[in-house]
Every structure is written in C-alpha cells, then in structure tokens.
Amino acid sequence: MYKAAVIGDYDSIYGFAALGLDTFPTTSAEQAAATLRKIASGSHAVIYITEALAAELREELDAYRTQQLPAIILIPGVSGNTGAGIAMVKKSVEQAVGSDIIFNNQN
C-alpha cells in the first residue's frame, strides 16, 4: 500500500502527522535531498514539500518530474505562499496538454 509523506521545516509540517502522513522535518537542503531520495525509492506515492525547501532542491526535484511516482506536490510553509506550487502545476498541465489552459481573468 502506498503512503504519503511531508518534507519541510518542523513548524510547517508537524500538523500533517495528525492526518496520518509520514513527516520528515529537515533543517538543511542536504538533509532534505537525502530524505527525498530515500522516501521516493520506498512506498511513498505522494510527497509534499514546502515551497521554500523546494526552491533549494530545484535540481533534485527535476529528476522526479517525468516519473509517474512519486507525485511531488509543493505546499506553502509557515512563511507563506510563494506561488511556486501553482506554477509547478501550471507547467505540468502545459506539458500534458500542449498549451496553457490555466489563466487568470483579472480585469
């Protein structure tokens, strides 16, 4: 059976344990990269990573972009939303569909 995990700073992810997700608090990008490699090769199908941490792991995350599993989803941390999560979803949709179907209609 597949599991879900969350990687990020402790303050941003500790609440996910109450939902039954495996939490992996990290204090450095190097530690996070090692953790990501370890859990991605295991039974985790979904891995949530805070946007701030994902910014430091951009190259590491690109290696998983074309793989079917695990799905890596960016989430805002306690420092707020950077917009990186929605940008990643938009890029994936553009690759899958071949055009930008997500747009803002702000007037």
PDB file of N, CA and C in Angstrom:
ATOM      1  N   MET A   1       0.844  -1.182   0.000  1.00  0.00           N
ATOM      2  CA  MET A   1       0.000   0.000   0.000  1.00  0.00           C
ATOM      3  C   MET A   1       0.890   1.246   0.000  1.00  0.00           C
ATOM      4  N   TYR A   2       0.497   2.214  -0.804  1.00  0.00           N
ATOM      5  CA  TYR A   2       1.267   3.438  -0.893  1.00  0.00           C
ATOM      6  C   TYR A   2       0.990   4.351   0.293  1.00  0.00           C
ATOM      7  N   LYS A   3       1.984   5.183   0.588  1.00  0.00           N
ATOM      8  CA  LYS A   3       1.867   6.143   1.687  1.00  0.00           C
ATOM      9  C   LYS A   3       2.105   7.549   1.157  1.00  0.00           C
ATOM     10  N   ALA A   4       1.807   8.529   2.016  1.00  0.00           N
ATOM     11  CA  ALA A   4       2.070   9.933   1.702  1.00  0.00           C
ATOM     12  C   ALA A   4       3.025  10.479   2.757  1.00  0.00           C
ATOM     13  N   ALA A   5       3.880  11.408   2.335  1.00  0.00           N
ATOM     14  CA  ALA A   5       4.872  11.984   3.231  1.00  0.00           C
ATOM     15  C   ALA A   5       4.927  13.497   3.046  1.00  0.00           C
ATOM     16  N   VAL A   6       5.470  14.173   4.053  1.00  0.00           N
ATOM     17  CA  VAL A   6       5.658  15.619   4.006  1.00  0.00           C
ATOM     18  C   VAL A   6       7.088  15.921   4.450  1.00  0.00           C
ATOM     19  N   ILE A   7       7.784  16.755   3.666  1.00  0.00           N
ATOM     20  CA  ILE A   7       9.146  17.176   3.994  1.00  0.00           C
ATOM     21  C   ILE A   7       9.158  18.691   4.114  1.00  0.00           C
ATOM     22  N   GLY A   8       9.796  19.198   5.154  1.00  0.00           N
ATOM     23  CA  GLY A   8       9.917  20.638   5.333  1.00  0.00           C
ATOM     24  C   GLY A   8      10.367  20.975   6.733  1.00  0.00           C
ATOM     25  N   ASP A   9      10.334  22.249   7.056  1.00  0.00           N
ATOM     26  CA  ASP A   9      10.703  22.657   8.406  1.00  0.00           C
ATOM     27  C   ASP A   9       9.623  22.185   9.381  1.00  0.00           C
ATOM     28  N   TYR A  10      10.028  21.923  10.593  1.00  0.00           N
ATOM     29  CA  TYR A  10       9.140  21.325  11.592  1.00  0.00           C
ATOM     30  C   TYR A  10       7.849  22.116  11.767  1.00  0.00           C
ATOM     31  N   ASP A  11       7.942  23.420  11.900  1.00  0.00           N
ATOM     32  CA  ASP A  11       6.757  24.244  12.145  1.00  0.00           C
ATOM     33  C   ASP A  11       5.738  24.150  11.016  1.00  0.00           C
ATOM     34  N   SER A  12       6.192  23.917   9.797  1.00  0.00           N
ATOM     35  CA  SER A  12       5.286  23.857   8.651  1.00  0.00           C
ATOM     36  C   SER A  12       4.613  22.496   8.490  1.00  0.00           C
ATOM     37  N   ILE A  13       5.249  21.434   8.993  1.00  0.00           N
ATOM     38  CA  ILE A  13       4.735  20.098   8.674  1.00  0.00           C
ATOM     39  C   ILE A  13       4.207  19.295   9.846  1.00  0.00           C
ATOM     40  N   TYR A  14       4.431  19.730  11.082  1.00  0.00           N
ATOM     41  CA  TYR A  14       4.086  18.864  12.215  1.00  0.00           C
ATOM     42  C   TYR A  14       2.608  18.508  12.277  1.00  0.00           C
ATOM     43  N   GLY A  15       1.725  19.356  11.790  1.00  0.00           N
ATOM     44  CA  GLY A  15       0.290  19.080  11.823  1.00  0.00           C
ATOM     45  C   GLY A  15      -0.136  17.951  10.904  1.00  0.00           C
ATOM     46  N   PHE A  16       0.656  17.653   9.891  1.00  0.00           N
ATOM     47  CA  PHE A  16       0.302  16.596   8.953  1.00  0.00           C
ATOM     48  C   PHE A  16       0.362  15.207   9.583  1.00  0.00           C
ATOM     49  N   ALA A  17       1.115  15.057  10.651  1.00  0.00           N
ATOM     50  CA  ALA A  17       1.182  13.766  11.336  1.00  0.00           C
ATOM     51  C   ALA A  17      -0.185  13.377  11.883  1.00  0.00           C
ATOM     52  N   ALA A  18      -0.968  14.353  12.315  1.00  0.00           N
ATOM     53  CA  ALA A  18      -2.310  14.078  12.831  1.00  0.00           C
ATOM     54  C   ALA A  18      -3.234  13.539  11.740  1.00  0.00           C
ATOM     55  N   LEU A  19      -2.901  13.794  10.487  1.00  0.00           N
ATOM     56  CA  LEU A  19      -3.691  13.300   9.358  1.00  0.00           C
ATOM     57  C   LEU A  19      -3.219  11.930   8.880  1.00  0.00           C
ATOM     58  N   GLY A  20      -2.176  11.406   9.518  1.00  0.00           N
ATOM     59  CA  GLY A  20      -1.659  10.093   9.165  1.00  0.00           C
ATOM     60  C   GLY A  20      -0.548  10.097   8.147  1.00  0.00           C
ATOM     61  N   LEU A  21      -0.046  11.258   7.771  1.00  0.00           N
ATOM     62  CA  LEU A  21       1.058  11.336   6.825  1.00  0.00           C
ATOM     63  C   LEU A  21       2.377  11.155   7.569  1.00  0.00           C
ATOM     64  N   ASP A  22       3.352  10.579   6.888  1.00  0.00           N
ATOM     65  CA  ASP A  22       4.691  10.467   7.459  1.00  0.00           C
ATOM     66  C   ASP A  22       5.364  11.830   7.329  1.00  0.00           C
ATOM     67  N   THR A  23       5.888  12.345   8.416  1.00  0.00           N
ATOM     68  CA  THR A  23       6.531  13.663   8.387  1.00  0.00           C
ATOM     69  C   THR A  23       8.037  13.519   8.536  1.00  0.00           C
ATOM     70  N   PHE A  24       8.747  14.337   7.781  1.00  0.00           N
ATOM     71  CA  PHE A  24      10.204  14.327   7.789  1.00  0.00           C
ATOM     72  C   PHE A  24      10.706  15.759   7.934  1.00  0.00           C
ATOM     73  N   PRO A  25      10.810  16.237   9.179  1.00  0.00           N
ATOM     74  CA  PRO A  25      11.328  17.597   9.379  1.00  0.00           C
ATOM     75  C   PRO A  25      12.816  17.646   9.019  1.00  0.00           C
ATOM     76  N   THR A  26      13.196  18.710   8.335  1.00  0.00           N
ATOM     77  CA  THR A  26      14.590  18.871   7.919  1.00  0.00           C
ATOM     78  C   THR A  26      15.089  20.247   8.311  1.00  0.00           C
ATOM     79  N   THR A  27      16.393  20.329   8.459  1.00  0.00           N
ATOM     80  CA  THR A  27      16.999  21.606   8.830  1.00  0.00           C
ATOM     81  C   THR A  27      17.956  22.129   7.767  1.00  0.00           C
ATOM     82  N   SER A  28      18.199  21.328   6.718  1.00  0.00           N
ATOM     83  CA  SER A  28      19.099  21.783   5.655  1.00  0.00           C
ATOM     84  C   SER A  28      18.675  21.171   4.328  1.00  0.00           C
ATOM     85  N   ALA A  29      19.106  21.789   3.243  1.00  0.00           N
ATOM     86  CA  ALA A  29      18.790  21.289   1.912  1.00  0.00           C
ATOM     87  C   ALA A  29      19.447  19.935   1.670  1.00  0.00           C
ATOM     88  N   GLU A  30      20.650  19.740   2.191  1.00  0.00           N
ATOM     89  CA  GLU A  30      21.345  18.471   2.017  1.00  0.00           C
ATOM     90  C   GLU A  30      20.589  17.338   2.703  1.00  0.00           C
ATOM     91  N   GLN A  31      20.130  17.598   3.907  1.00  0.00           N
ATOM     92  CA  GLN A  31      19.358  16.604   4.647  1.00  0.00           C
ATOM     93  C   GLN A  31      18.041  16.322   3.923  1.00  0.00           C
ATOM     94  N   ALA A  32      17.405  17.343   3.403  1.00  0.00           N
ATOM     95  CA  ALA A  32      16.140  17.180   2.688  1.00  0.00           C
ATOM     96  C   ALA A  32      16.333  16.368   1.406  1.00  0.00           C
ATOM     97  N   ALA A  33      17.412  16.627   0.680  1.00  0.00           N
ATOM     98  CA  ALA A  33      17.684  15.885  -0.556  1.00  0.00           C
ATOM     99  C   ALA A  33      17.886  14.405  -0.261  1.00  0.00           C
ATOM    100  N   ALA A  34      18.630  14.107   0.785  1.00  0.00           N
ATOM    101  CA  ALA A  34      18.850  12.708   1.169  1.00  0.00           C
ATOM    102  C   ALA A  34      17.542  12.047   1.590  1.00  0.00           C
ATOM    103  N   THR A  35      16.736  12.769   2.338  1.00  0.00           N
ATOM    104  CA  THR A  35      15.433  12.252   2.768  1.00  0.00           C
ATOM    105  C   THR A  35      14.536  12.008   1.561  1.00  0.00           C
ATOM    106  N   LEU A  36      14.505  12.941   0.631  1.00  0.00           N
ATOM    107  CA  LEU A  36      13.687  12.805  -0.569  1.00  0.00           C
ATOM    108  C   LEU A  36      14.088  11.558  -1.356  1.00  0.00           C
ATOM    109  N   ARG A  37      15.373  11.367  -1.583  1.00  0.00           N
ATOM    110  CA  ARG A  37      15.839  10.192  -2.323  1.00  0.00           C
ATOM    111  C   ARG A  37      15.433   8.901  -1.614  1.00  0.00           C
ATOM    112  N   LYS A  38      15.549   8.897  -0.298  1.00  0.00           N
ATOM    113  CA  LYS A  38      15.230   7.693   0.480  1.00  0.00           C
ATOM    114  C   LYS A  38      13.742   7.358   0.390  1.00  0.00           C
ATOM    115  N   ILE A  39      12.878   8.333   0.631  1.00  0.00           N
ATOM    116  CA  ILE A  39      11.450   8.006   0.658  1.00  0.00           C
ATOM    117  C   ILE A  39      10.866   7.858  -0.746  1.00  0.00           C
ATOM    118  N   ALA A  40      11.469   8.497  -1.750  1.00  0.00           N
ATOM    119  CA  ALA A  40      10.984   8.358  -3.127  1.00  0.00           C
ATOM    120  C   ALA A  40      11.250   6.951  -3.654  1.00  0.00           C
ATOM    121  N   SER A  41      12.261   6.299  -3.142  1.00  0.00           N
ATOM    122  CA  SER A  41      12.564   4.944  -3.602  1.00  0.00           C
ATOM    123  C   SER A  41      11.791   3.897  -2.805  1.00  0.00           C
ATOM    124  N   GLY A  42      11.012   4.329  -1.826  1.00  0.00           N
ATOM    125  CA  GLY A  42      10.233   3.412  -1.000  1.00  0.00           C
ATOM    126  C   GLY A  42       8.791   3.330  -1.445  1.00  0.00           C
ATOM    127  N   SER A  43       7.898   3.269  -0.489  1.00  0.00           N
ATOM    128  CA  SER A  43       6.481   3.051  -0.788  1.00  0.00           C
ATOM    129  C   SER A  43       5.639   4.325  -0.710  1.00  0.00           C
ATOM    130  N   HIS A  44       6.278   5.488  -0.842  1.00  0.00           N
ATOM    131  CA  HIS A  44       5.537   6.757  -0.811  1.00  0.00           C
ATOM    132  C   HIS A  44       5.151   7.166  -2.227  1.00  0.00           C
ATOM    133  N   ALA A  45       3.842   7.276  -2.468  1.00  0.00           N
ATOM    134  CA  ALA A  45       3.352   7.656  -3.787  1.00  0.00           C
ATOM    135  C   ALA A  45       3.187   9.165  -3.918  1.00  0.00           C
ATOM    136  N   VAL A  46       2.968   9.849  -2.788  1.00  0.00           N
ATOM    137  CA  VAL A  46       2.800  11.301  -2.781  1.00  0.00           C
ATOM    138  C   VAL A  46       3.740  11.889  -1.748  1.00  0.00           C
ATOM    139  N   ILE A  47       4.507  12.883  -2.173  1.00  0.00           N
ATOM    140  CA  ILE A  47       5.428  13.568  -1.262  1.00  0.00           C
ATOM    141  C   ILE A  47       5.148  15.064  -1.365  1.00  0.00           C
ATOM    142  N   TYR A  48       4.744  15.644  -0.245  1.00  0.00           N
ATOM    143  CA  TYR A  48       4.527  17.078  -0.154  1.00  0.00           C
ATOM    144  C   TYR A  48       5.813  17.717   0.341  1.00  0.00           C
ATOM    145  N   ILE A  49       6.199  18.819  -0.284  1.00  0.00           N
ATOM    146  CA  ILE A  49       7.411  19.541   0.107  1.00  0.00           C
ATOM    147  C   ILE A  49       7.064  21.019   0.206  1.00  0.00           C
ATOM    148  N   THR A  50       7.555  21.670   1.257  1.00  0.00           N
ATOM    149  CA  THR A  50       7.273  23.101   1.390  1.00  0.00           C
ATOM    150  C   THR A  50       7.930  23.861   0.236  1.00  0.00           C
ATOM    151  N   GLU A  51       7.285  24.937  -0.184  1.00  0.00           N
ATOM    152  CA  GLU A  51       7.774  25.728  -1.310  1.00  0.00           C
ATOM    153  C   GLU A  51       9.177  26.273  -1.057  1.00  0.00           C
ATOM    154  N   ALA A  52       9.433  26.722   0.157  1.00  0.00           N
ATOM    155  CA  ALA A  52      10.754  27.279   0.471  1.00  0.00           C
ATOM    156  C   ALA A  52      11.837  26.220   0.312  1.00  0.00           C
ATOM    157  N   LEU A  53      11.560  25.021   0.772  1.00  0.00           N
ATOM    158  CA  LEU A  53      12.536  23.935   0.649  1.00  0.00           C
ATOM    159  C   LEU A  53      12.681  23.505  -0.807  1.00  0.00           C
ATOM    160  N   ALA A  54      11.583  23.465  -1.528  1.00  0.00           N
ATOM    161  CA  ALA A  54      11.626  23.077  -2.942  1.00  0.00           C
ATOM    162  C   ALA A  54      12.493  24.036  -3.755  1.00  0.00           C
ATOM    163  N   ALA A  55      12.505  25.305  -3.379  1.00  0.00           N
ATOM    164  CA  ALA A  55      13.345  26.287  -4.077  1.00  0.00           C
ATOM    165  C   ALA A  55      14.819  25.925  -3.955  1.00  0.00           C
ATOM    166  N   GLU A  56      15.181  25.318  -2.839  1.00  0.00           N
ATOM    167  CA  GLU A  56      16.574  24.905  -2.634  1.00  0.00           C
ATOM    168  C   GLU A  56      16.884  23.560  -3.285  1.00  0.00           C
ATOM    169  N   LEU A  57      15.849  22.809  -3.626  1.00  0.00           N
ATOM    170  CA  LEU A  57      16.027  21.467  -4.188  1.00  0.00           C
ATOM    171  C   LEU A  57      15.586  21.379  -5.645  1.00  0.00           C
ATOM    172  N   ARG A  58      15.600  22.481  -6.340  1.00  0.00           N
ATOM    173  CA  ARG A  58      15.072  22.541  -7.704  1.00  0.00           C
ATOM    174  C   ARG A  58      15.653  21.446  -8.603  1.00  0.00           C
ATOM    175  N   GLU A  59      16.965  21.286  -8.625  1.00  0.00           N
ATOM    176  CA  GLU A  59      17.598  20.278  -9.483  1.00  0.00           C
ATOM    177  C   GLU A  59      17.207  18.870  -9.057  1.00  0.00           C
ATOM    178  N   GLU A  60      17.166  18.636  -7.767  1.00  0.00           N
ATOM    179  CA  GLU A  60      16.784  17.324  -7.238  1.00  0.00           C
ATOM    180  C   GLU A  60      15.343  16.989  -7.645  1.00  0.00           C
ATOM    181  N   LEU A  61      14.450  17.952  -7.555  1.00  0.00           N
ATOM    182  CA  LEU A  61      13.048  17.727  -7.894  1.00  0.00           C
ATOM    183  C   LEU A  61      12.847  17.498  -9.385  1.00  0.00           C
ATOM    184  N   ASP A  62      13.657  18.125 -10.216  1.00  0.00           N
ATOM    185  CA  ASP A  62      13.541  17.947 -11.663  1.00  0.00           C
ATOM    186  C   ASP A  62      13.750  16.491 -12.073  1.00  0.00           C
ATOM    187  N   ALA A  63      14.554  15.761 -11.317  1.00  0.00           N
ATOM    188  CA  ALA A  63      14.802  14.352 -11.618  1.00  0.00           C
ATOM    189  C   ALA A  63      13.535  13.509 -11.487  1.00  0.00           C
ATOM    190  N   TYR A  64      12.593  13.964 -10.669  1.00  0.00           N
ATOM    191  CA  TYR A  64      11.353  13.213 -10.444  1.00  0.00           C
ATOM    192  C   TYR A  64      10.196  13.701 -11.319  1.00  0.00           C
ATOM    193  N   ARG A  65      10.397  14.759 -12.038  1.00  0.00           N
ATOM    194  CA  ARG A  65       9.326  15.393 -12.799  1.00  0.00           C
ATOM    195  C   ARG A  65       8.698  14.479 -13.845  1.00  0.00           C
ATOM    196  N   THR A  66       9.499  13.663 -14.498  1.00  0.00           N
ATOM    197  CA  THR A  66       8.983  12.808 -15.557  1.00  0.00           C
ATOM    198  C   THR A  66       8.576  11.417 -15.073  1.00  0.00           C
ATOM    199  N   GLN A  67       8.804  11.131 -13.816  1.00  0.00           N
ATOM    200  CA  GLN A  67       8.438   9.828 -13.272  1.00  0.00           C
ATOM    201  C   GLN A  67       6.970   9.809 -12.877  1.00  0.00           C
ATOM    202  N   GLN A  68       6.371   8.641 -13.006  1.00  0.00           N
ATOM    203  CA  GLN A  68       4.967   8.508 -12.638  1.00  0.00           C
ATOM    204  C   GLN A  68       4.778   8.601 -11.124  1.00  0.00           C
ATOM    205  N   LEU A  69       5.632   7.952 -10.386  1.00  0.00           N
ATOM    206  CA  LEU A  69       5.609   8.013  -8.915  1.00  0.00           C
ATOM    207  C   LEU A  69       7.002   8.278  -8.405  1.00  0.00           C
ATOM    208  N   PRO A  70       7.136   9.002  -7.362  1.00  0.00           N
ATOM    209  CA  PRO A  70       6.102   9.632  -6.555  1.00  0.00           C
ATOM    210  C   PRO A  70       5.655  10.967  -7.158  1.00  0.00           C
ATOM    211  N   ALA A  71       4.433  11.340  -6.839  1.00  0.00           N
ATOM    212  CA  ALA A  71       3.950  12.673  -7.182  1.00  0.00           C
ATOM    213  C   ALA A  71       4.489  13.628  -6.131  1.00  0.00           C
ATOM    214  N   ILE A  72       5.149  14.675  -6.566  1.00  0.00           N
ATOM    215  CA  ILE A  72       5.713  15.652  -5.633  1.00  0.00           C
ATOM    216  C   ILE A  72       4.890  16.925  -5.744  1.00  0.00           C
ATOM    217  N   ILE A  73       4.312  17.311  -4.622  1.00  0.00           N
ATOM    218  CA  ILE A  73       3.404  18.454  -4.563  1.00  0.00           C
ATOM    219  C   ILE A  73       3.997  19.509  -3.636  1.00  0.00           C
ATOM    220  N   LEU A  74       4.067  20.741  -4.120  1.00  0.00           N
ATOM    221  CA  LEU A  74       4.580  21.836  -3.297  1.00  0.00           C
ATOM    222  C   LEU A  74       3.453  22.438  -2.475  1.00  0.00           C
ATOM    223  N   ILE A  75       3.752  22.720  -1.218  1.00  0.00           N
ATOM    224  CA  ILE A  75       2.777  23.321  -0.309  1.00  0.00           C
ATOM    225  C   ILE A  75       3.396  24.553   0.340  1.00  0.00           C
ATOM    226  N   PRO A  76       2.578  25.537   0.706  1.00  0.00           N
ATOM    227  CA  PRO A  76       3.123  26.700   1.411  1.00  0.00           C
ATOM    228  C   PRO A  76       3.588  26.293   2.805  1.00  0.00           C
ATOM    229  N   GLY A  77       4.586  26.970   3.296  1.00  0.00           N
ATOM    230  CA  GLY A  77       5.059  26.750   4.656  1.00  0.00           C
ATOM    231  C   GLY A  77       4.557  27.853   5.572  1.00  0.00           C
ATOM    232  N   VAL A  78       5.087  27.902   6.774  1.00  0.00           N
ATOM    233  CA  VAL A  78       4.657  28.922   7.722  1.00  0.00           C
ATOM    234  C   VAL A  78       5.049  30.319   7.266  1.00  0.00           C
ATOM    235  N   SER A  79       6.023  30.401   6.376  1.00  0.00           N
ATOM    236  CA  SER A  79       6.456  31.718   5.889  1.00  0.00           C
ATOM    237  C   SER A  79       5.530  32.269   4.815  1.00  0.00           C
ATOM    238  N   GLY A  80       4.569  31.461   4.351  1.00  0.00           N
ATOM    239  CA  GLY A  80       3.599  31.947   3.378  1.00  0.00           C
ATOM    240  C   GLY A  80       3.720  31.285   2.024  1.00  0.00           C
ATOM    241  N   ASN A  81       2.852  31.688   1.126  1.00  0.00           N
ATOM    242  CA  ASN A  81       2.771  31.133  -0.211  1.00  0.00           C
ATOM    243  C   ASN A  81       3.658  31.937  -1.157  1.00  0.00           C
ATOM    244  N   THR A  82       4.525  31.238  -1.886  1.00  0.00           N
ATOM    245  CA  THR A  82       5.402  31.915  -2.840  1.00  0.00           C
ATOM    246  C   THR A  82       4.872  31.847  -4.267  1.00  0.00           C
ATOM    247  N   GLY A  83       3.859  31.031  -4.489  1.00  0.00           N
ATOM    248  CA  GLY A  83       3.326  30.847  -5.832  1.00  0.00           C
ATOM    249  C   GLY A  83       4.018  29.744  -6.606  1.00  0.00           C
ATOM    250  N   ALA A  84       5.038  29.138  -6.035  1.00  0.00           N
ATOM    251  CA  ALA A  84       5.786  28.084  -6.725  1.00  0.00           C
ATOM    252  C   ALA A  84       4.943  26.841  -6.959  1.00  0.00           C
ATOM    253  N   GLY A  85       4.055  26.531  -6.030  1.00  0.00           N
ATOM    254  CA  GLY A  85       3.213  25.350  -6.167  1.00  0.00           C
ATOM    255  C   GLY A  85       2.300  25.435  -7.374  1.00  0.00           C
ATOM    256  N   ILE A  86       1.602  26.542  -7.530  1.00  0.00           N
ATOM    257  CA  ILE A  86       0.694  26.706  -8.667  1.00  0.00           C
ATOM    258  C   ILE A  86       1.481  26.803  -9.974  1.00  0.00           C
ATOM    259  N   ALA A  87       2.667  27.376  -9.933  1.00  0.00           N
ATOM    260  CA  ALA A  87       3.500  27.455 -11.131  1.00  0.00           C
ATOM    261  C   ALA A  87       3.917  26.059 -11.587  1.00  0.00           C
ATOM    262  N   MET A  88       4.211  25.174 -10.627  1.00  0.00           N
ATOM    263  CA  MET A  88       4.596  23.814 -10.967  1.00  0.00           C
ATOM    264  C   MET A  88       3.413  23.053 -11.577  1.00  0.00           C
ATOM    265  N   VAL A  89       2.226  23.233 -11.021  1.00  0.00           N
ATOM    266  CA  VAL A  89       1.030  22.592 -11.569  1.00  0.00           C
ATOM    267  C   VAL A  89       0.768  23.110 -12.984  1.00  0.00           C
ATOM    268  N   LYS A  90       0.894  24.414 -13.168  1.00  0.00           N
ATOM    269  CA  LYS A  90       0.671  25.017 -14.489  1.00  0.00           C
ATOM    270  C   LYS A  90       1.646  24.440 -15.515  1.00  0.00           C
ATOM    271  N   LYS A  91       2.905  24.305 -15.137  1.00  0.00           N
ATOM    272  CA  LYS A  91       3.906  23.761 -16.047  1.00  0.00           C
ATOM    273  C   LYS A  91       3.583  22.316 -16.412  1.00  0.00           C
ATOM    274  N   SER A  92       3.130  21.536 -15.436  1.00  0.00           N
ATOM    275  CA  SER A  92       2.768  20.141 -15.701  1.00  0.00           C
ATOM    276  C   SER A  92       1.569  20.051 -16.631  1.00  0.00           C
ATOM    277  N   VAL A  93       0.593  20.910 -16.443  1.00  0.00           N
ATOM    278  CA  VAL A  93      -0.590  20.925 -17.318  1.00  0.00           C
ATOM    279  C   VAL A  93      -0.175  21.315 -18.729  1.00  0.00           C
ATOM    280  N   GLU A  94       0.683  22.301 -18.866  1.00  0.00           N
ATOM    281  CA  GLU A  94       1.148  22.718 -20.191  1.00  0.00           C
ATOM    282  C   GLU A  94       1.860  21.576 -20.899  1.00  0.00           C
ATOM    283  N   GLN A  95       2.668  20.815 -20.164  1.00  0.00           N
ATOM    284  CA  GLN A  95       3.377  19.689 -20.770  1.00  0.00           C
ATOM    285  C   GLN A  95       2.403  18.595 -21.194  1.00  0.00           C
ATOM    286  N   ALA A  96       1.410  18.322 -20.359  1.00  0.00           N
ATOM    287  CA  ALA A  96       0.464  17.244 -20.644  1.00  0.00           C
ATOM    288  C   ALA A  96      -0.484  17.595 -21.785  1.00  0.00           C
ATOM    289  N   VAL A  97      -0.960  18.827 -21.813  1.00  0.00           N
ATOM    290  CA  VAL A  97      -1.980  19.234 -22.768  1.00  0.00           C
ATOM    291  C   VAL A  97      -1.370  19.859 -24.020  1.00  0.00           C
ATOM    292  N   GLY A  98      -0.244  20.485 -23.867  1.00  0.00           N
ATOM    293  CA  GLY A  98       0.395  21.126 -25.007  1.00  0.00           C
ATOM    294  C   GLY A  98       0.116  22.608 -25.120  1.00  0.00           C
ATOM    295  N   SER A  99      -0.672  23.144 -24.180  1.00  0.00           N
ATOM    296  CA  SER A  99      -0.910  24.586 -24.188  1.00  0.00           C
ATOM    297  C   SER A  99      -1.322  25.037 -22.799  1.00  0.00           C
ATOM    298  N   ASP A 100      -1.320  26.334 -22.610  1.00  0.00           N
ATOM    299  CA  ASP A 100      -1.673  26.924 -21.321  1.00  0.00           C
ATOM    300  C   ASP A 100      -3.189  27.031 -21.231  1.00  0.00           C
ATOM    301  N   ILE A 101      -3.795  26.145 -20.424  1.00  0.00           N
ATOM    302  CA  ILE A 101      -5.251  26.204 -20.263  1.00  0.00           C
ATOM    303  C   ILE A 101      -5.648  26.832 -18.936  1.00  0.00           C
ATOM    304  N   ILE A 102      -4.655  27.115 -18.115  1.00  0.00           N
ATOM    305  CA  ILE A 102      -4.911  27.779 -16.832  1.00  0.00           C
ATOM    306  C   ILE A 102      -4.527  29.241 -17.013  1.00  0.00           C
ATOM    307  N   PHE A 103      -5.450  30.131 -16.801  1.00  0.00           N
ATOM    308  CA  PHE A 103      -5.149  31.545 -16.943  1.00  0.00           C
ATOM    309  C   PHE A 103      -5.936  32.337 -15.915  1.00  0.00           C
ATOM    310  N   ASN A 104      -5.450  33.506 -15.626  1.00  0.00           N
ATOM    311  CA  ASN A 104      -6.139  34.418 -14.710  1.00  0.00           C
ATOM    312  C   ASN A 104      -6.927  35.402 -15.532  1.00  0.00           C
ATOM    313  N   ASN A 105      -8.174  35.584 -15.176  1.00  0.00           N
ATOM    314  CA  ASN A 105      -9.024  36.559 -15.837  1.00  0.00           C
ATOM    315  C   ASN A 105      -9.273  37.691 -14.862  1.00  0.00           C
ATOM    316  N   GLN A 106      -8.259  38.538 -14.733  1.00  0.00           N
ATOM    317  CA  GLN A 106      -8.363  39.666 -13.799  1.00  0.00           C
ATOM    318  C   GLN A 106      -8.518  40.951 -14.581  1.00  0.00           C
ATOM    319  N   ASN A 107      -9.572  41.681 -14.331  1.00  0.00           N
ATOM    320  CA  ASN A 107      -9.788  42.955 -15.019  1.00  0.00           C
ATOM    321  C   ASN A 107      -9.829  44.082 -14.032  1.00  0.00           C
TER     322      ASN A 107
END
